Amino acid sequence: MRTILRVIAQTRLREIFTATALLLVVGIALLMTQVGLSPALGTFLAGVVLANKRISP
């Protein structure tokens, strides 16, 4: 995931970076629902993943 976010950050297009982050959050929420857990837990975990990634172009 770090490599993907780094490549997107190098484009310097905030809209694409925001869309990717949103897609990550929704995707993890859907995955958690499929597993039988709370989608809120999935969005929390996605936020933790995004907060731990420091991307420097």
PDB file of N, CA and C in Angstrom:
ATOM      1  N   MET A   1       0.825  -1.190   0.000  1.00  0.00           N
ATOM      2  CA  MET A   1       0.000   0.000   0.000  1.00  0.00           C
ATOM      3  C   MET A   1       0.867   1.252   0.000  1.00  0.00           C
ATOM      4  N   ARG A   2       1.993   1.185   0.678  1.00  0.00           N
ATOM      5  CA  ARG A   2       2.860   2.347   0.751  1.00  0.00           C
ATOM      6  C   ARG A   2       3.370   2.759  -0.634  1.00  0.00           C
ATOM      7  N   THR A   3       3.711   1.764  -1.449  1.00  0.00           N
ATOM      8  CA  THR A   3       4.207   2.056  -2.794  1.00  0.00           C
ATOM      9  C   THR A   3       3.133   2.728  -3.644  1.00  0.00           C
ATOM     10  N   ILE A   4       1.927   2.237  -3.543  1.00  0.00           N
ATOM     11  CA  ILE A   4       0.825   2.821  -4.322  1.00  0.00           C
ATOM     12  C   ILE A   4       0.591   4.269  -3.912  1.00  0.00           C
ATOM     13  N   LEU A   5       0.552   4.521  -2.601  1.00  0.00           N
ATOM     14  CA  LEU A   5       0.335   5.888  -2.131  1.00  0.00           C
ATOM     15  C   LEU A   5       1.500   6.802  -2.505  1.00  0.00           C
ATOM     16  N   ARG A   6       2.705   6.270  -2.511  1.00  0.00           N
ATOM     17  CA  ARG A   6       3.867   7.080  -2.903  1.00  0.00           C
ATOM     18  C   ARG A   6       3.784   7.495  -4.375  1.00  0.00           C
ATOM     19  N   VAL A   7       3.419   6.555  -5.234  1.00  0.00           N
ATOM     20  CA  VAL A   7       3.282   6.863  -6.666  1.00  0.00           C
ATOM     21  C   VAL A   7       2.195   7.908  -6.886  1.00  0.00           C
ATOM     22  N   ILE A   8       1.082   7.756  -6.188  1.00  0.00           N
ATOM     23  CA  ILE A   8      -0.013   8.720  -6.323  1.00  0.00           C
ATOM     24  C   ILE A   8       0.406  10.085  -5.779  1.00  0.00           C
ATOM     25  N   ALA A   9       1.164  10.111  -4.699  1.00  0.00           N
ATOM     26  CA  ALA A   9       1.618  11.386  -4.132  1.00  0.00           C
ATOM     27  C   ALA A   9       2.575  12.099  -5.085  1.00  0.00           C
ATOM     28  N   GLN A  10       3.333  11.347  -5.851  1.00  0.00           N
ATOM     29  CA  GLN A  10       4.272  11.961  -6.796  1.00  0.00           C
ATOM     30  C   GLN A  10       3.563  12.666  -7.938  1.00  0.00           C
ATOM     31  N   THR A  11       2.305  12.310  -8.201  1.00  0.00           N
ATOM     32  CA  THR A  11       1.559  13.007  -9.249  1.00  0.00           C
ATOM     33  C   THR A  11       1.165  14.417  -8.817  1.00  0.00           C
ATOM     34  N   ARG A  12       1.190  14.653  -7.484  1.00  0.00           N
ATOM     35  CA  ARG A  12       0.838  15.945  -6.900  1.00  0.00           C
ATOM     36  C   ARG A  12      -0.591  16.383  -7.236  1.00  0.00           C
ATOM     37  N   LEU A  13      -1.475  15.418  -7.417  1.00  0.00           N
ATOM     38  CA  LEU A  13      -2.888  15.704  -7.645  1.00  0.00           C
ATOM     39  C   LEU A  13      -3.655  15.286  -6.394  1.00  0.00           C
ATOM     40  N   ARG A  14      -4.105  16.270  -5.642  1.00  0.00           N
ATOM     41  CA  ARG A  14      -4.782  15.991  -4.382  1.00  0.00           C
ATOM     42  C   ARG A  14      -6.057  15.188  -4.568  1.00  0.00           C
ATOM     43  N   GLU A  15      -6.761  15.420  -5.675  1.00  0.00           N
ATOM     44  CA  GLU A  15      -8.017  14.736  -5.907  1.00  0.00           C
ATOM     45  C   GLU A  15      -7.814  13.235  -6.045  1.00  0.00           C
ATOM     46  N   ILE A  16      -6.762  12.843  -6.753  1.00  0.00           N
ATOM     47  CA  ILE A  16      -6.483  11.416  -6.930  1.00  0.00           C
ATOM     48  C   ILE A  16      -6.078  10.794  -5.602  1.00  0.00           C
ATOM     49  N   PHE A  17      -5.272  11.498  -4.826  1.00  0.00           N
ATOM     50  CA  PHE A  17      -4.846  10.981  -3.528  1.00  0.00           C
ATOM     51  C   PHE A  17      -6.047  10.827  -2.596  1.00  0.00           C
ATOM     52  N   THR A  18      -6.939  11.816  -2.595  1.00  0.00           N
ATOM     53  CA  THR A  18      -8.133  11.755  -1.764  1.00  0.00           C
ATOM     54  C   THR A  18      -9.047  10.619  -2.209  1.00  0.00           C
ATOM     55  N   ALA A  19      -9.211  10.460  -3.508  1.00  0.00           N
ATOM     56  CA  ALA A  19     -10.058   9.378  -4.023  1.00  0.00           C
ATOM     57  C   ALA A  19      -9.484   8.016  -3.664  1.00  0.00           C
ATOM     58  N   THR A  20      -8.183   7.873  -3.712  1.00  0.00           N
ATOM     59  CA  THR A  20      -7.543   6.610  -3.345  1.00  0.00           C
ATOM     60  C   THR A  20      -7.728   6.311  -1.863  1.00  0.00           C
ATOM     61  N   ALA A  21      -7.572   7.328  -1.033  1.00  0.00           N
ATOM     62  CA  ALA A  21      -7.768   7.138   0.405  1.00  0.00           C
ATOM     63  C   ALA A  21      -9.211   6.756   0.701  1.00  0.00           C
ATOM     64  N   LEU A  22     -10.154   7.404   0.032  1.00  0.00           N
ATOM     65  CA  LEU A  22     -11.567   7.081   0.221  1.00  0.00           C
ATOM     66  C   LEU A  22     -11.870   5.663  -0.249  1.00  0.00           C
ATOM     67  N   LEU A  23     -11.304   5.274  -1.366  1.00  0.00           N
ATOM     68  CA  LEU A  23     -11.486   3.915  -1.870  1.00  0.00           C
ATOM     69  C   LEU A  23     -10.919   2.895  -0.894  1.00  0.00           C
ATOM     70  N   LEU A  24      -9.788   3.203  -0.289  1.00  0.00           N
ATOM     71  CA  LEU A  24      -9.194   2.315   0.715  1.00  0.00           C
ATOM     72  C   LEU A  24     -10.128   2.154   1.913  1.00  0.00           C
ATOM     73  N   VAL A  25     -10.681   3.253   2.394  1.00  0.00           N
ATOM     74  CA  VAL A  25     -11.575   3.210   3.557  1.00  0.00           C
ATOM     75  C   VAL A  25     -12.834   2.404   3.238  1.00  0.00           C
ATOM     76  N   VAL A  26     -13.451   2.674   2.108  1.00  0.00           N
ATOM     77  CA  VAL A  26     -14.668   1.948   1.734  1.00  0.00           C
ATOM     78  C   VAL A  26     -14.363   0.470   1.494  1.00  0.00           C
ATOM     79  N   GLY A  27     -13.239   0.191   0.852  1.00  0.00           N
ATOM     80  CA  GLY A  27     -12.865  -1.196   0.587  1.00  0.00           C
ATOM     81  C   GLY A  27     -12.644  -1.995   1.862  1.00  0.00           C
ATOM     82  N   ILE A  28     -11.958  -1.412   2.824  1.00  0.00           N
ATOM     83  CA  ILE A  28     -11.728  -2.118   4.084  1.00  0.00           C
ATOM     84  C   ILE A  28     -13.032  -2.283   4.850  1.00  0.00           C
ATOM     85  N   ALA A  29     -13.907  -1.289   4.797  1.00  0.00           N
ATOM     86  CA  ALA A  29     -15.214  -1.418   5.463  1.00  0.00           C
ATOM     87  C   ALA A  29     -16.025  -2.558   4.839  1.00  0.00           C
ATOM     88  N   LEU A  30     -16.010  -2.659   3.525  1.00  0.00           N
ATOM     89  CA  LEU A  30     -16.720  -3.750   2.857  1.00  0.00           C
ATOM     90  C   LEU A  30     -16.100  -5.101   3.186  1.00  0.00           C
ATOM     91  N   LEU A  31     -14.794  -5.151   3.249  1.00  0.00           N
ATOM     92  CA  LEU A  31     -14.102  -6.389   3.598  1.00  0.00           C
ATOM     93  C   LEU A  31     -14.470  -6.837   5.013  1.00  0.00           C
ATOM     94  N   MET A  32     -14.515  -5.897   5.931  1.00  0.00           N
ATOM     95  CA  MET A  32     -14.890  -6.235   7.303  1.00  0.00           C
ATOM     96  C   MET A  32     -16.330  -6.736   7.367  1.00  0.00           C
ATOM     97  N   THR A  33     -17.210  -6.168   6.564  1.00  0.00           N
ATOM     98  CA  THR A  33     -18.593  -6.627   6.523  1.00  0.00           C
ATOM     99  C   THR A  33     -18.668  -8.064   6.012  1.00  0.00           C
ATOM    100  N   GLN A  34     -17.880  -8.369   4.993  1.00  0.00           N
ATOM    101  CA  GLN A  34     -17.855  -9.720   4.444  1.00  0.00           C
ATOM    102  C   GLN A  34     -17.340 -10.734   5.455  1.00  0.00           C
ATOM    103  N   VAL A  35     -16.414 -10.313   6.293  1.00  0.00           N
ATOM    104  CA  VAL A  35     -15.828 -11.193   7.302  1.00  0.00           C
ATOM    105  C   VAL A  35     -16.787 -11.374   8.480  1.00  0.00           C
ATOM    106  N   GLY A  36     -17.730 -10.452   8.626  1.00  0.00           N
ATOM    107  CA  GLY A  36     -18.706 -10.546   9.703  1.00  0.00           C
ATOM    108  C   GLY A  36     -18.425  -9.604  10.857  1.00  0.00           C
ATOM    109  N   LEU A  37     -17.543  -8.648  10.639  1.00  0.00           N
ATOM    110  CA  LEU A  37     -17.222  -7.664  11.667  1.00  0.00           C
ATOM    111  C   LEU A  37     -17.883  -6.328  11.323  1.00  0.00           C
ATOM    112  N   SER A  38     -17.760  -5.397  12.221  1.00  0.00           N
ATOM    113  CA  SER A  38     -18.376  -4.086  12.054  1.00  0.00           C
ATOM    114  C   SER A  38     -17.654  -3.261  10.992  1.00  0.00           C
ATOM    115  N   PRO A  39     -18.401  -2.611  10.089  1.00  0.00           N
ATOM    116  CA  PRO A  39     -17.752  -1.730   9.123  1.00  0.00           C
ATOM    117  C   PRO A  39     -17.061  -0.540   9.800  1.00  0.00           C
ATOM    118  N   ALA A  40     -17.568  -0.143  10.968  1.00  0.00           N
ATOM    119  CA  ALA A  40     -16.926   0.954  11.705  1.00  0.00           C
ATOM    120  C   ALA A  40     -15.518   0.561  12.139  1.00  0.00           C
ATOM    121  N   LEU A  41     -15.351  -0.701  12.512  1.00  0.00           N
ATOM    122  CA  LEU A  41     -14.012  -1.187  12.857  1.00  0.00           C
ATOM    123  C   LEU A  41     -13.100  -1.116  11.636  1.00  0.00           C
ATOM    124  N   GLY A  42     -13.634  -1.444  10.478  1.00  0.00           N
ATOM    125  CA  GLY A  42     -12.858  -1.374   9.246  1.00  0.00           C
ATOM    126  C   GLY A  42     -12.431   0.038   8.908  1.00  0.00           C
ATOM    127  N   THR A  43     -13.331   0.991   9.071  1.00  0.00           N
ATOM    128  CA  THR A  43     -12.968   2.372   8.775  1.00  0.00           C
ATOM    129  C   THR A  43     -11.951   2.896   9.787  1.00  0.00           C
ATOM    130  N   PHE A  44     -12.070   2.450  11.033  1.00  0.00           N
ATOM    131  CA  PHE A  44     -11.076   2.832  12.033  1.00  0.00           C
ATOM    132  C   PHE A  44      -9.705   2.288  11.652  1.00  0.00           C
ATOM    133  N   LEU A  45      -9.652   1.026  11.263  1.00  0.00           N
ATOM    134  CA  LEU A  45      -8.372   0.433  10.861  1.00  0.00           C
ATOM    135  C   LEU A  45      -7.795   1.115   9.622  1.00  0.00           C
ATOM    136  N   ALA A  46      -8.651   1.481   8.685  1.00  0.00           N
ATOM    137  CA  ALA A  46      -8.171   2.195   7.496  1.00  0.00           C
ATOM    138  C   ALA A  46      -7.593   3.548   7.886  1.00  0.00           C
ATOM    139  N   GLY A  47      -8.218   4.221   8.831  1.00  0.00           N
ATOM    140  CA  GLY A  47      -7.688   5.496   9.312  1.00  0.00           C
ATOM    141  C   GLY A  47      -6.340   5.330   9.973  1.00  0.00           C
ATOM    142  N   VAL A  48      -6.181   4.253  10.724  1.00  0.00           N
ATOM    143  CA  VAL A  48      -4.884   3.983  11.355  1.00  0.00           C
ATOM    144  C   VAL A  48      -3.822   3.715  10.294  1.00  0.00           C
ATOM    145  N   VAL A  49      -4.179   2.952   9.275  1.00  0.00           N
ATOM    146  CA  VAL A  49      -3.227   2.659   8.189  1.00  0.00           C
ATOM    147  C   VAL A  49      -2.823   3.945   7.484  1.00  0.00           C
ATOM    148  N   LEU A  50      -3.792   4.797   7.176  1.00  0.00           N
ATOM    149  CA  LEU A  50      -3.475   6.043   6.481  1.00  0.00           C
ATOM    150  C   LEU A  50      -2.680   7.007   7.368  1.00  0.00           C
ATOM    151  N   ALA A  51      -2.958   7.008   8.656  1.00  0.00           N
ATOM    152  CA  ALA A  51      -2.251   7.915   9.549  1.00  0.00           C
ATOM    153  C   ALA A  51      -0.802   7.501   9.743  1.00  0.00           C
ATOM    154  N   ASN A  52      -0.509   6.222   9.607  1.00  0.00           N
ATOM    155  CA  ASN A  52       0.855   5.737   9.787  1.00  0.00           C
ATOM    156  C   ASN A  52       1.705   5.885   8.542  1.00  0.00           C
ATOM    157  N   LYS A  53       1.123   6.198   7.429  1.00  0.00           N
ATOM    158  CA  LYS A  53       1.878   6.316   6.182  1.00  0.00           C
ATOM    159  C   LYS A  53       2.278   7.772   5.956  1.00  0.00           C
ATOM    160  N   ARG A  54       3.534   8.029   6.025  1.00  0.00           N
ATOM    161  CA  ARG A  54       4.037   9.366   5.703  1.00  0.00           C
ATOM    162  C   ARG A  54       4.668   9.314   4.327  1.00  0.00           C
ATOM    163  N   ILE A  55       4.063   9.997   3.416  1.00  0.00           N
ATOM    164  CA  ILE A  55       4.498   9.995   2.034  1.00  0.00           C
ATOM    165  C   ILE A  55       5.192  11.314   1.726  1.00  0.00           C
ATOM    166  N   SER A  56       6.417  11.239   1.314  1.00  0.00           N
ATOM    167  CA  SER A  56       7.129  12.462   0.930  1.00  0.00           C
ATOM    168  C   SER A  56       7.508  12.348  -0.533  1.00  0.00           C
ATOM    169  N   PRO A  57       6.972  13.240  -1.361  1.00  0.00           N
ATOM    170  CA  PRO A  57       7.232  13.167  -2.809  1.00  0.00           C
ATOM    171  C   PRO A  57       8.660  13.444  -3.175  1.00  0.00           C
TER     172      PRO A  57
END
